[in-house]
Amino acid sequence: MCHQRMGGVMEHRKLIKIHEVLRRCAISRATLYRLISKKCFPNQVSVTGSRSVAWREDEIQKWINDRPYSK
């Protein structure tokens, strides 16, 4: 996915599907949807030309980095 940045430079953003989101975040599908309903997870985006959704890789990585560690 490409996005226009100021100054005309194109920025590429990688999209990842749900199975990869679950793997990287180490959460279950139920937990993912619970976080989404509480607005505590990055927004998903519709994939053009299909019925599927995906998440922006950079937003998922930021969520992982910002998540507090439990001991």
N, C-alpha and C. Protein backbone atom coordinates (compact mmCIF):
# COMPACT_ATOMS: atom_id res chain seq x y z
N MET A 1 0.85 -1.16 0.00
CA MET A 1 0.00 0.00 0.00
C MET A 1 0.89 1.23 0.00
N CYS A 2 0.55 2.22 -0.81
CA CYS A 2 1.34 3.44 -0.89
C CYS A 2 0.54 4.60 -0.34
N HIS A 3 1.22 5.49 0.31
CA HIS A 3 0.62 6.71 0.83
C HIS A 3 1.48 7.87 0.42
N GLN A 4 0.83 8.97 0.04
CA GLN A 4 1.55 10.18 -0.34
C GLN A 4 2.01 10.90 0.92
N ARG A 5 3.26 11.25 0.98
CA ARG A 5 3.79 12.04 2.10
C ARG A 5 3.98 13.47 1.62
N MET A 6 4.16 14.37 2.55
CA MET A 6 4.43 15.75 2.18
C MET A 6 5.71 15.80 1.36
N GLY A 7 5.71 16.62 0.34
CA GLY A 7 6.87 16.73 -0.51
C GLY A 7 6.81 15.78 -1.69
N GLY A 8 5.72 15.01 -1.82
CA GLY A 8 5.53 14.14 -2.97
C GLY A 8 6.22 12.80 -2.89
N VAL A 9 6.86 12.46 -1.79
CA VAL A 9 7.55 11.17 -1.66
C VAL A 9 6.53 10.10 -1.28
N MET A 10 6.59 8.96 -1.95
CA MET A 10 5.66 7.86 -1.66
C MET A 10 6.20 7.00 -0.53
N GLU A 11 5.31 6.62 0.38
CA GLU A 11 5.68 5.77 1.50
C GLU A 11 4.93 4.44 1.34
N HIS A 12 5.63 3.32 1.42
CA HIS A 12 5.01 2.01 1.29
C HIS A 12 4.69 1.48 2.68
N ARG A 13 3.47 1.00 2.84
CA ARG A 13 3.04 0.41 4.11
C ARG A 13 2.61 -1.01 3.84
N LYS A 14 3.19 -1.93 4.56
CA LYS A 14 2.86 -3.34 4.40
C LYS A 14 1.62 -3.67 5.22
N LEU A 15 0.73 -4.46 4.63
CA LEU A 15 -0.46 -4.93 5.32
C LEU A 15 -0.26 -6.39 5.70
N ILE A 16 -0.74 -6.76 6.90
CA ILE A 16 -0.64 -8.15 7.33
C ILE A 16 -2.03 -8.67 7.68
N LYS A 17 -2.24 -9.94 7.39
CA LYS A 17 -3.54 -10.59 7.61
C LYS A 17 -3.67 -11.05 9.05
N ILE A 18 -4.88 -11.47 9.40
CA ILE A 18 -5.21 -11.79 10.78
C ILE A 18 -4.32 -12.87 11.38
N HIS A 19 -4.01 -13.94 10.62
CA HIS A 19 -3.19 -15.02 11.20
C HIS A 19 -1.81 -14.52 11.61
N GLU A 20 -1.27 -13.58 10.84
CA GLU A 20 0.04 -13.01 11.16
C GLU A 20 -0.07 -12.05 12.34
N VAL A 21 -1.16 -11.29 12.42
CA VAL A 21 -1.39 -10.40 13.56
C VAL A 21 -1.46 -11.22 14.85
N LEU A 22 -2.23 -12.31 14.82
CA LEU A 22 -2.37 -13.16 16.00
C LEU A 22 -1.03 -13.75 16.42
N ARG A 23 -0.24 -14.18 15.44
CA ARG A 23 1.07 -14.77 15.74
C ARG A 23 2.01 -13.74 16.36
N ARG A 24 2.10 -12.58 15.73
CA ARG A 24 3.03 -11.55 16.23
C ARG A 24 2.63 -11.02 17.60
N CYS A 25 1.33 -10.89 17.83
CA CYS A 25 0.85 -10.33 19.10
C CYS A 25 0.70 -11.38 20.18
N ALA A 26 0.78 -12.65 19.80
CA ALA A 26 0.63 -13.77 20.74
C ALA A 26 -0.70 -13.67 21.50
N ILE A 27 -1.78 -13.44 20.73
CA ILE A 27 -3.11 -13.39 21.32
C ILE A 27 -4.04 -14.29 20.52
N SER A 28 -5.17 -14.64 21.12
CA SER A 28 -6.17 -15.45 20.43
C SER A 28 -7.07 -14.55 19.59
N ARG A 29 -7.82 -15.18 18.70
CA ARG A 29 -8.77 -14.45 17.87
C ARG A 29 -9.82 -13.75 18.76
N ALA A 30 -10.28 -14.46 19.80
CA ALA A 30 -11.27 -13.87 20.72
C ALA A 30 -10.71 -12.64 21.41
N THR A 31 -9.46 -12.72 21.85
CA THR A 31 -8.82 -11.57 22.50
C THR A 31 -8.68 -10.41 21.52
N LEU A 32 -8.31 -10.71 20.29
CA LEU A 32 -8.19 -9.67 19.27
C LEU A 32 -9.51 -8.92 19.12
N TYR A 33 -10.61 -9.65 18.96
CA TYR A 33 -11.91 -9.00 18.76
C TYR A 33 -12.38 -8.27 20.02
N ARG A 34 -12.01 -8.76 21.18
CA ARG A 34 -12.33 -8.06 22.42
C ARG A 34 -11.58 -6.72 22.48
N LEU A 35 -10.31 -6.73 22.11
CA LEU A 35 -9.52 -5.50 22.08
C LEU A 35 -10.07 -4.51 21.05
N ILE A 36 -10.49 -5.03 19.90
CA ILE A 36 -11.07 -4.17 18.86
C ILE A 36 -12.35 -3.52 19.37
N SER A 37 -13.20 -4.30 20.03
CA SER A 37 -14.47 -3.76 20.52
C SER A 37 -14.26 -2.70 21.60
N LYS A 38 -13.17 -2.81 22.35
CA LYS A 38 -12.84 -1.82 23.38
C LYS A 38 -12.04 -0.65 22.82
N LYS A 39 -11.80 -0.68 21.51
CA LYS A 39 -11.00 0.35 20.83
C LYS A 39 -9.59 0.45 21.41
N CYS A 40 -9.03 -0.72 21.75
CA CYS A 40 -7.68 -0.81 22.32
C CYS A 40 -6.71 -1.48 21.36
N PHE A 41 -7.04 -1.50 20.07
CA PHE A 41 -6.20 -2.16 19.08
C PHE A 41 -6.25 -1.33 17.80
N PRO A 42 -5.17 -1.35 17.01
CA PRO A 42 -5.18 -0.58 15.76
C PRO A 42 -6.35 -0.97 14.85
N ASN A 43 -6.83 -0.01 14.10
CA ASN A 43 -7.94 -0.25 13.17
C ASN A 43 -7.52 -1.16 12.03
N GLN A 44 -8.45 -1.99 11.62
CA GLN A 44 -8.22 -2.82 10.45
C GLN A 44 -8.61 -2.03 9.21
N VAL A 45 -8.08 -2.44 8.06
CA VAL A 45 -8.42 -1.80 6.79
C VAL A 45 -8.97 -2.84 5.84
N SER A 46 -9.91 -2.43 4.99
CA SER A 46 -10.47 -3.34 3.99
C SER A 46 -9.46 -3.51 2.86
N VAL A 47 -9.33 -4.73 2.40
CA VAL A 47 -8.44 -5.02 1.28
C VAL A 47 -9.25 -4.86 0.00
N THR A 48 -8.83 -3.96 -0.86
CA THR A 48 -9.55 -3.67 -2.09
C THR A 48 -9.69 -4.91 -2.95
N GLY A 49 -10.90 -5.14 -3.45
CA GLY A 49 -11.15 -6.25 -4.35
C GLY A 49 -11.41 -7.57 -3.66
N SER A 50 -11.51 -7.58 -2.34
CA SER A 50 -11.81 -8.82 -1.62
C SER A 50 -12.64 -8.51 -0.40
N ARG A 51 -13.11 -9.56 0.25
CA ARG A 51 -13.91 -9.38 1.46
C ARG A 51 -13.05 -9.43 2.71
N SER A 52 -11.75 -9.49 2.56
CA SER A 52 -10.88 -9.63 3.72
C SER A 52 -10.42 -8.28 4.25
N VAL A 53 -9.88 -8.34 5.46
CA VAL A 53 -9.31 -7.15 6.09
C VAL A 53 -7.87 -7.45 6.48
N ALA A 54 -7.14 -6.40 6.75
CA ALA A 54 -5.74 -6.54 7.16
C ALA A 54 -5.41 -5.38 8.08
N TRP A 55 -4.22 -5.43 8.64
CA TRP A 55 -3.74 -4.38 9.53
C TRP A 55 -2.43 -3.86 8.99
N ARG A 56 -2.15 -2.58 9.27
CA ARG A 56 -0.88 -1.99 8.86
C ARG A 56 0.22 -2.51 9.77
N GLU A 57 1.25 -3.06 9.17
CA GLU A 57 2.33 -3.68 9.93
C GLU A 57 2.97 -2.70 10.92
N ASP A 58 3.18 -1.47 10.51
CA ASP A 58 3.82 -0.50 11.41
C ASP A 58 2.95 -0.20 12.63
N GLU A 59 1.62 -0.18 12.46
CA GLU A 59 0.73 0.07 13.59
C GLU A 59 0.70 -1.12 14.55
N ILE A 60 0.78 -2.33 14.01
CA ILE A 60 0.81 -3.53 14.86
C ILE A 60 2.12 -3.56 15.64
N GLN A 61 3.22 -3.24 14.99
CA GLN A 61 4.51 -3.23 15.68
C GLN A 61 4.53 -2.19 16.78
N LYS A 62 3.95 -1.03 16.53
CA LYS A 62 3.87 0.02 17.57
C LYS A 62 3.03 -0.47 18.74
N TRP A 63 1.91 -1.14 18.47
CA TRP A 63 1.05 -1.66 19.54
C TRP A 63 1.83 -2.68 20.38
N ILE A 64 2.58 -3.55 19.73
CA ILE A 64 3.39 -4.54 20.44
C ILE A 64 4.44 -3.83 21.31
N ASN A 65 5.13 -2.86 20.74
CA ASN A 65 6.17 -2.13 21.48
C ASN A 65 5.61 -1.34 22.66
N ASP A 66 4.40 -0.82 22.52
CA ASP A 66 3.79 0.00 23.57
C ASP A 66 3.07 -0.81 24.62
N ARG A 67 2.85 -2.09 24.36
CA ARG A 67 2.09 -2.94 25.29
C ARG A 67 2.91 -3.18 26.56
N PRO A 68 2.30 -2.97 27.72
CA PRO A 68 3.04 -3.24 28.97
C PRO A 68 3.30 -4.74 29.14
N TYR A 69 4.44 -5.06 29.67
CA TYR A 69 4.78 -6.46 29.92
C TYR A 69 4.16 -6.90 31.23
N SER A 70 3.56 -8.08 31.23
CA SER A 70 3.04 -8.61 32.50
C SER A 70 4.07 -9.56 33.09
N LYS A 71 4.17 -9.56 34.41
CA LYS A 71 5.16 -10.40 35.08
C LYS A 71 4.50 -11.51 35.84
